[in-house]
Amino acid sequence: MRSRNLFVCAVAMLGVMLRSEWLAFSGRVWMRDLLIRAAEAAAPPAVRVHEIVAGQARAMTLFHLLNLGIFDELAEKGPTACRELGRGTFSEVGASFACRYARFGAGAGLLERLANGSVALTEAGKLLVSNHPTSMRDYVMIKFDQRYYESERRVGEPSNLAAREPKSGFKLATGLEFFDYMKTAPDFADLFDAGMQGFSAAVDRVIVADYEVSPSATVCDVGGGTGHLLASFLQEYPKARGILFDQDEQVKAALQKGPLRPFAERTQFVATNFFETLSPVTATCDVIFMKWIVHDWGDEDAVQILRNVAAAALPGATLVLFEMTLDVDGPSFERLKHVTDFYMLNLPVGARERTLADPPRHCFAIDSQYSE
């Protein structure tokens, strides 16, 4: 029995991976984790509960600061007295509300209250400015969309959890699964795509900096959206070629407004459904990236996707999975991954963040299917 020799590399994104930039960053986070553990050990139980409940107030304050355009205004004007926020449109009482939001924003580390009474953006606050290169504004605004909120509220209802076949949050809220709903609601799809772009932009830079490919490789991204990760690789490797695989709507968007347009001469755009047979051009890929794809699906679907990629790939190609892997980090990152695992409840039942034990099991299923 000779293996098909498709090497599947399961990478623990936000976990045990990457070198230079990541190690420096994770070192700072490790120090923060020590302080978090010390603070939590000293906090009375009632305070811990109150802090959890206060998370809703912090989130809603963030929504109001974004919705009022405060971060963009401060980016344009610089430090501003809180009563002068709103570009002169707030009433006296409204201005007092804005000051209270700004005070709360300062407490959350998004704004800074200066000695002269004005407020300014912190480094974290700058990430919420619309035109920041790695803006997270749209990513945050997704979470406040009424459809998303309703999905998260309903998925945990006792009647759903008691059902023989519980439904996903989006199925309960809209009648359709998440990705099917996006096809019917362009406004939500555009917001989601913009949000994912902002959330992953900084991660893409780290991946490219620390994951080396051959200078003349054909780099492929399956489920790559409008192509931000692939564009980062093509910018880093001027002799490399790229192939973007995604659904027809995403491929059209990538052609019209995506970051791959400057690299059009070195890029193929292939409409595909990874639940079906992939295009024969997959066999030209030297390395195939799938970033945050597997976590969107249950085990059966995840294995089927990987089998389809393996069946179409060139023997000896490398398939790289970037996922949020649980139980490999300190409190800060684990809490972040617990949050994304919570978001997976919006998606088809079975979607979730996984541990290091899961990808090898998936990969074994592929290898046993495609052994000769």
Protein backbone atom coordinates (compact mmCIF):
# COMPACT_ATOMS: atom_id res chain seq x y z
CA MET A 1 0.00 0.00 0.00
CA ARG A 2 1.63 3.24 -1.11
CA SER A 3 0.28 6.54 0.19
CA ARG A 4 -0.93 9.19 -2.20
CA ASN A 5 1.68 11.40 -0.47
CA LEU A 6 -0.47 14.46 0.10
CA PHE A 7 1.06 15.98 3.22
CA VAL A 8 -1.54 17.63 5.45
CA CYS A 9 -0.06 20.14 7.87
CA ALA A 10 -2.43 21.08 10.70
CA VAL A 11 -1.34 24.47 12.00
CA ALA A 12 -2.45 25.80 15.38
CA MET A 13 -3.37 29.36 14.48
CA LEU A 14 -3.08 31.51 17.57
CA GLY A 15 -1.25 28.56 19.06
CA VAL A 16 1.90 26.52 18.72
CA MET A 17 3.08 27.88 15.38
CA LEU A 18 5.18 30.43 13.60
CA ARG A 19 8.46 31.94 14.63
CA SER A 20 9.77 35.51 14.63
CA GLU A 21 6.83 37.92 14.84
CA TRP A 22 4.63 35.41 16.59
CA LEU A 23 7.12 34.55 19.31
CA ALA A 24 7.69 38.20 20.19
CA PHE A 25 3.96 38.84 20.27
CA SER A 26 3.15 35.70 22.28
CA GLY A 27 5.88 36.60 24.80
CA ARG A 28 4.05 39.83 25.62
CA VAL A 29 0.80 37.95 25.90
CA TRP A 30 2.42 35.41 28.25
CA MET A 31 3.37 38.22 30.60
CA ARG A 32 -0.17 39.54 30.43
CA ASP A 33 -1.50 36.08 31.26
CA LEU A 34 0.56 36.02 34.45
CA LEU A 35 -1.03 39.27 35.54
CA ILE A 36 -4.50 38.02 34.59
CA ARG A 37 -4.07 34.88 36.69
CA ALA A 38 -2.90 36.94 39.66
CA ALA A 39 -5.80 39.40 39.34
CA GLU A 40 -8.39 36.65 38.98
CA ALA A 41 -7.05 34.79 42.01
CA ALA A 42 -7.42 37.95 44.10
CA ALA A 43 -10.87 39.00 42.84
CA PRO A 44 -13.90 38.12 45.02
CA PRO A 45 -16.41 35.83 43.26
CA ALA A 46 -19.05 38.56 43.10
CA VAL A 47 -16.61 40.83 41.28
CA ARG A 48 -15.90 38.09 38.74
CA VAL A 49 -19.62 37.70 38.03
CA HIS A 50 -20.08 41.46 37.76
CA GLU A 51 -17.22 41.70 35.27
CA ILE A 52 -18.89 39.12 33.04
CA VAL A 53 -22.20 40.98 33.14
CA ALA A 54 -20.41 44.27 32.48
CA GLY A 55 -19.18 42.82 29.20
CA GLN A 56 -22.57 43.62 27.68
CA ALA A 57 -22.26 47.29 28.66
CA ARG A 58 -18.73 47.45 27.23
CA ALA A 59 -19.90 45.88 23.97
CA MET A 60 -22.85 48.26 23.65
CA THR A 61 -20.64 51.27 24.39
CA LEU A 62 -18.31 50.11 21.63
CA PHE A 63 -21.27 49.88 19.28
CA HIS A 64 -22.38 53.44 20.06
CA LEU A 65 -18.85 54.83 19.65
CA LEU A 66 -18.62 53.12 16.26
CA ASN A 67 -22.13 54.01 15.15
CA LEU A 68 -21.57 57.67 16.10
CA GLY A 69 -18.35 57.75 14.11
CA ILE A 70 -16.26 58.76 17.13
CA PHE A 71 -13.19 56.74 16.17
CA ASP A 72 -13.15 58.15 12.63
CA GLU A 73 -13.68 61.67 13.97
CA LEU A 74 -10.78 61.41 16.39
CA ALA A 75 -8.57 59.99 13.66
CA GLU A 76 -9.31 63.06 11.52
CA LYS A 77 -9.27 65.78 14.19
CA GLY A 78 -6.86 64.43 16.77
CA PRO A 79 -7.48 64.88 20.52
CA THR A 80 -10.88 66.49 21.06
CA ALA A 81 -12.89 67.62 24.06
CA CYS A 82 -15.62 65.04 24.60
CA ARG A 83 -18.37 67.70 24.47
CA GLU A 84 -17.14 68.70 21.02
CA LEU A 85 -17.50 65.20 19.59
CA GLY A 86 -20.19 64.51 17.02
CA ARG A 87 -19.03 67.21 14.57
CA GLY A 88 -21.35 69.75 16.19
CA THR A 89 -24.54 67.70 15.71
CA PHE A 90 -25.17 66.63 19.31
CA SER A 91 -27.47 68.52 21.65
CA GLU A 92 -26.22 69.52 25.08
CA VAL A 93 -27.67 66.39 26.63
CA GLY A 94 -26.43 64.29 23.69
CA ALA A 95 -22.93 65.68 24.20
CA SER A 96 -23.08 64.58 27.84
CA PHE A 97 -23.97 61.06 26.64
CA ALA A 98 -20.98 61.14 24.28
CA CYS A 99 -18.72 62.09 27.19
CA ARG A 100 -19.96 59.12 29.18
CA TYR A 101 -19.36 56.80 26.24
CA ALA A 102 -15.86 58.26 25.86
CA ARG A 103 -15.16 57.72 29.55
CA PHE A 104 -16.25 54.12 29.26
CA GLY A 105 -14.17 53.73 26.10
CA ALA A 106 -11.14 55.01 27.98
CA GLY A 107 -11.75 52.45 30.71
CA ALA A 108 -11.78 49.74 28.04
CA GLY A 109 -8.45 50.94 26.65
CA LEU A 110 -9.85 52.18 23.33
CA LEU A 111 -9.59 55.90 24.13
CA GLU A 112 -7.25 57.94 26.28
CA ARG A 113 -8.35 60.81 28.54
CA LEU A 114 -5.70 63.51 28.42
CA ALA A 115 -4.78 65.96 31.16
CA ASN A 116 -6.51 68.86 29.38
CA GLY A 117 -9.83 66.96 29.37
CA SER A 118 -9.80 65.90 25.72
CA VAL A 119 -9.89 62.31 24.47
CA ALA A 120 -7.65 60.62 21.92
CA LEU A 121 -7.30 57.25 20.25
CA THR A 122 -5.15 54.52 21.76
CA GLU A 123 -3.38 51.97 19.55
CA ALA A 124 -6.34 49.62 20.09
CA GLY A 125 -8.77 52.40 19.21
CA LYS A 126 -6.97 53.04 15.94
CA LEU A 127 -7.94 49.53 14.82
CA LEU A 128 -11.57 50.71 14.83
CA VAL A 129 -11.00 53.56 12.37
CA SER A 130 -12.66 52.81 9.02
CA ASN A 131 -9.63 53.41 6.81
CA HIS A 132 -7.02 51.77 9.04
CA PRO A 133 -5.05 49.17 7.00
CA THR A 134 -6.14 46.42 9.40
CA SER A 135 -9.41 47.98 10.55
CA MET A 136 -11.60 45.74 12.70
CA ARG A 137 -14.59 48.07 12.50
CA ASP A 138 -16.71 45.90 10.21
CA TYR A 139 -15.77 42.77 12.14
CA VAL A 140 -17.16 44.38 15.30
CA MET A 141 -20.28 45.68 13.54
CA ILE A 142 -21.18 42.17 12.36
CA LYS A 143 -21.69 41.18 15.96
CA PHE A 144 -24.25 43.95 16.44
CA ASP A 145 -26.29 43.07 13.37
CA GLN A 146 -29.78 42.12 14.52
CA ARG A 147 -29.70 38.83 12.59
CA TYR A 148 -26.45 37.82 14.25
CA TYR A 149 -27.70 38.84 17.67
CA GLU A 150 -30.95 36.91 17.23
CA SER A 151 -29.00 33.86 16.08
CA GLU A 152 -26.83 33.87 19.19
CA ARG A 153 -29.82 34.43 21.46
CA ARG A 154 -31.95 31.62 20.06
CA VAL A 155 -29.38 28.86 19.62
CA GLY A 156 -29.15 28.28 23.37
CA GLU A 157 -32.89 28.16 24.04
CA PRO A 158 -33.90 25.11 26.14
CA SER A 159 -36.29 23.89 23.43
CA ASN A 160 -33.49 23.82 20.87
CA LEU A 161 -31.05 22.03 23.15
CA ALA A 162 -33.73 19.47 24.07
CA ALA A 163 -34.59 18.76 20.42
CA ARG A 164 -33.48 15.46 18.92
CA GLU A 165 -31.79 17.44 16.15
CA PRO A 166 -30.91 20.94 17.44
CA LYS A 167 -30.65 23.67 14.81
CA SER A 168 -27.92 26.21 14.27
CA GLY A 169 -28.45 29.77 15.44
CA PHE A 170 -28.88 31.15 11.93
CA LYS A 171 -31.31 28.41 10.96
CA LEU A 172 -33.47 29.38 13.94
CA ALA A 173 -33.17 33.13 13.33
CA THR A 174 -33.57 33.26 9.55
CA GLY A 175 -34.83 29.87 8.41
CA LEU A 176 -31.62 29.28 6.45
CA GLU A 177 -28.15 28.08 7.28
CA PHE A 178 -25.52 30.81 7.55
CA PHE A 179 -23.88 30.46 4.14
CA ASP A 180 -27.22 29.92 2.37
CA TYR A 181 -28.60 33.05 4.01
CA MET A 182 -25.65 35.14 2.81
CA LYS A 183 -26.62 34.31 -0.79
CA THR A 184 -30.02 35.93 -0.19
CA ALA A 185 -28.81 38.99 1.74
CA PRO A 186 -26.07 40.92 -0.10
CA ASP A 187 -25.93 43.58 2.62
CA PHE A 188 -25.09 41.01 5.27
CA ALA A 189 -22.68 39.18 2.97
CA ASP A 190 -20.79 42.42 2.23
CA LEU A 191 -20.56 43.28 5.93
CA PHE A 192 -19.39 39.77 6.78
CA ASP A 193 -16.74 39.73 4.04
CA ALA A 194 -15.43 43.15 5.08
CA GLY A 195 -15.36 42.06 8.70
CA MET A 196 -13.44 38.87 7.96
CA GLN A 197 -11.00 40.87 5.86
CA GLY A 198 -10.26 43.20 8.76
CA PHE A 199 -10.05 40.42 11.33
CA SER A 200 -7.62 38.33 9.30
CA ALA A 201 -5.46 41.05 7.71
CA ALA A 202 -2.94 41.14 10.54
CA VAL A 203 -2.88 37.35 10.71
CA ASP A 204 -2.18 37.13 6.97
CA ARG A 205 0.96 39.24 7.35
CA VAL A 206 2.30 36.94 10.07
CA ILE A 207 1.54 33.82 8.02
CA VAL A 208 3.41 35.17 5.02
CA ALA A 209 6.33 36.34 7.11
CA ASP A 210 6.82 33.00 8.81
CA TYR A 211 5.53 30.35 6.39
CA GLU A 212 8.03 30.00 3.56
CA VAL A 213 7.14 28.68 0.10
CA SER A 214 9.31 28.13 -2.94
CA PRO A 215 9.98 31.47 -4.72
CA SER A 216 8.36 30.20 -7.93
CA ALA A 217 5.63 28.07 -6.32
CA THR A 218 2.03 27.93 -7.42
CA VAL A 219 0.20 28.98 -4.26
CA CYS A 220 -3.48 28.11 -3.99
CA ASP A 221 -6.12 29.26 -1.54
CA VAL A 222 -9.26 27.12 -1.28
CA GLY A 223 -12.16 29.06 0.18
CA GLY A 224 -10.00 32.16 0.05
CA GLY A 225 -12.79 34.74 -0.21
CA THR A 226 -11.67 37.73 -2.24
CA GLY A 227 -8.02 36.70 -1.96
CA HIS A 228 -6.33 38.67 0.82
CA LEU A 229 -4.07 35.87 2.03
CA LEU A 230 -3.15 34.90 -1.54
CA ALA A 231 -2.41 38.53 -2.44
CA SER A 232 -0.07 38.75 0.56
CA PHE A 233 1.89 35.75 -0.71
CA LEU A 234 2.06 37.07 -4.28
CA GLN A 235 3.33 40.40 -3.02
CA GLU A 236 6.04 38.65 -0.99
CA TYR A 237 7.02 36.26 -3.80
CA PRO A 238 7.20 38.13 -7.15
CA LYS A 239 7.84 34.93 -9.15
CA ALA A 240 5.06 32.89 -7.56
CA ARG A 241 1.72 32.24 -9.20
CA GLY A 242 -1.62 32.03 -7.42
CA ILE A 243 -4.97 30.31 -7.83
CA LEU A 244 -8.02 31.46 -5.87
CA PHE A 245 -10.80 28.92 -5.35
CA ASP A 246 -14.16 29.96 -3.97
CA GLN A 247 -17.83 30.13 -4.82
CA ASP A 248 -18.88 32.02 -7.91
CA GLU A 249 -20.06 35.11 -6.00
CA GLN A 250 -16.75 35.43 -4.15
CA VAL A 251 -14.69 34.93 -7.30
CA LYS A 252 -16.66 37.67 -9.07
CA ALA A 253 -16.10 39.99 -6.11
CA ALA A 254 -12.39 39.19 -6.16
CA LEU A 255 -12.20 40.08 -9.85
CA GLN A 256 -14.12 43.33 -9.39
CA LYS A 257 -12.70 44.80 -6.19
CA GLY A 258 -10.36 42.34 -4.50
CA PRO A 259 -6.70 42.81 -3.55
CA LEU A 260 -5.59 40.33 -6.22
CA ARG A 261 -6.22 42.75 -9.09
CA PRO A 262 -2.60 44.07 -9.07
CA PHE A 263 -1.48 40.45 -9.49
CA ALA A 264 -4.02 39.49 -12.15
CA GLU A 265 -1.35 38.35 -14.62
CA ARG A 266 -0.10 35.80 -12.10
CA THR A 267 -3.48 34.70 -10.75
CA GLN A 268 -6.22 32.31 -11.82
CA PHE A 269 -9.72 32.74 -10.43
CA VAL A 270 -11.62 29.47 -10.20
CA ALA A 271 -15.25 29.18 -9.15
CA THR A 272 -15.66 25.97 -7.18
CA ASN A 273 -17.72 24.15 -4.62
CA PHE A 274 -15.43 22.21 -2.33
CA PHE A 275 -18.20 19.71 -1.59
CA GLU A 276 -17.92 18.65 -5.22
CA THR A 277 -15.07 17.63 -7.50
CA LEU A 278 -12.52 20.44 -7.68
CA SER A 279 -11.21 21.85 -10.94
CA PRO A 280 -8.35 19.96 -12.64
CA VAL A 281 -6.18 23.08 -12.20
CA THR A 282 -5.90 22.05 -8.54
CA ALA A 283 -3.26 19.57 -9.74
CA THR A 284 -0.95 22.50 -10.53
CA CYS A 285 -0.83 23.67 -6.90
CA ASP A 286 2.42 23.22 -5.00
CA VAL A 287 0.92 24.38 -1.72
CA ILE A 288 -2.77 24.68 -0.86
CA PHE A 289 -3.91 26.92 1.97
CA MET A 290 -7.23 26.60 3.75
CA LYS A 291 -7.60 29.25 6.43
CA TRP A 292 -10.48 29.00 8.87
CA ILE A 293 -12.46 26.66 6.63
CA VAL A 294 -12.58 23.36 8.51
CA HIS A 295 -13.99 24.96 11.66
CA ASP A 296 -17.09 26.02 9.70
CA TRP A 297 -18.23 22.40 9.33
CA GLY A 298 -18.94 19.24 11.30
CA ASP A 299 -16.58 16.27 11.13
CA GLU A 300 -18.28 14.46 8.26
CA ASP A 301 -18.36 17.56 6.07
CA ALA A 302 -14.82 18.56 7.08
CA VAL A 303 -13.44 15.18 6.03
CA GLN A 304 -15.37 15.31 2.76
CA ILE A 305 -13.94 18.72 1.93
CA LEU A 306 -10.40 17.54 2.64
CA ARG A 307 -10.94 14.36 0.62
CA ASN A 308 -12.10 16.38 -2.35
CA VAL A 309 -9.03 18.60 -2.15
CA ALA A 310 -6.78 15.58 -1.79
CA ALA A 311 -8.36 13.85 -4.78
CA ALA A 312 -7.73 16.87 -7.02
CA ALA A 313 -4.27 17.78 -5.73
CA LEU A 314 -0.91 16.95 -7.22
CA PRO A 315 0.76 13.99 -5.45
CA GLY A 316 3.38 15.51 -3.17
CA ALA A 317 1.58 18.83 -2.79
CA THR A 318 1.27 20.39 0.66
CA LEU A 319 -2.09 21.19 2.19
CA VAL A 320 -1.86 23.71 5.04
CA LEU A 321 -4.76 24.17 7.43
CA PHE A 322 -4.87 27.32 9.55
CA GLU A 323 -7.29 26.87 12.42
CA MET A 324 -7.98 28.14 15.93
CA THR A 325 -6.70 25.16 17.93
CA LEU A 326 -7.98 24.78 21.48
CA ASP A 327 -6.02 23.97 24.64
CA VAL A 328 -2.55 24.97 23.46
CA ASP A 329 -2.26 28.53 24.83
CA GLY A 330 -2.57 30.69 27.93
CA PRO A 331 -5.78 32.34 29.20
CA SER A 332 -5.82 35.30 26.78
CA PHE A 333 -5.73 33.27 23.58
CA GLU A 334 -7.87 30.46 24.93
CA ARG A 335 -10.60 32.94 25.83
CA LEU A 336 -10.42 34.39 22.34
CA LYS A 337 -10.78 30.92 20.87
CA HIS A 338 -13.67 30.15 23.21
CA VAL A 339 -15.39 33.23 21.80
CA THR A 340 -14.86 32.09 18.21
CA ASP A 341 -16.10 28.63 19.21
CA PHE A 342 -19.25 30.34 20.49
CA TYR A 343 -19.63 32.09 17.13
CA MET A 344 -19.50 28.68 15.43
CA LEU A 345 -22.92 27.96 16.97
CA ASN A 346 -24.32 30.28 14.30
CA LEU A 347 -23.08 27.93 11.59
CA PRO A 348 -24.27 24.44 10.58
CA VAL A 349 -24.49 22.05 13.53
CA GLY A 350 -21.10 20.46 14.15
CA ALA A 351 -19.05 23.55 13.27
CA ARG A 352 -16.59 24.25 16.07
CA GLU A 353 -13.02 24.98 17.05
CA ARG A 354 -11.07 21.78 17.57
CA THR A 355 -8.16 20.43 19.59
CA LEU A 356 -4.89 19.05 18.24
CA ALA A 357 -6.41 15.55 18.37
CA ASP A 358 -8.91 16.34 15.61
CA PRO A 359 -6.84 17.26 12.52
CA PRO A 360 -4.74 14.05 12.62
CA ARG A 361 -7.97 12.06 12.72
CA HIS A 362 -9.26 14.00 9.71
CA CYS A 363 -5.98 13.53 7.90
CA PHE A 364 -5.97 9.78 8.59
CA ALA A 365 -9.43 9.56 7.05
CA ILE A 366 -8.09 11.22 3.91
CA ASP A 367 -4.94 9.09 3.72
CA SER A 368 -6.82 5.82 4.21
CA GLN A 369 -9.27 6.87 1.49
CA TYR A 370 -6.51 7.71 -1.00
CA SER A 371 -3.93 5.01 -0.40
CA GLU A 372 -2.87 2.77 -3.26
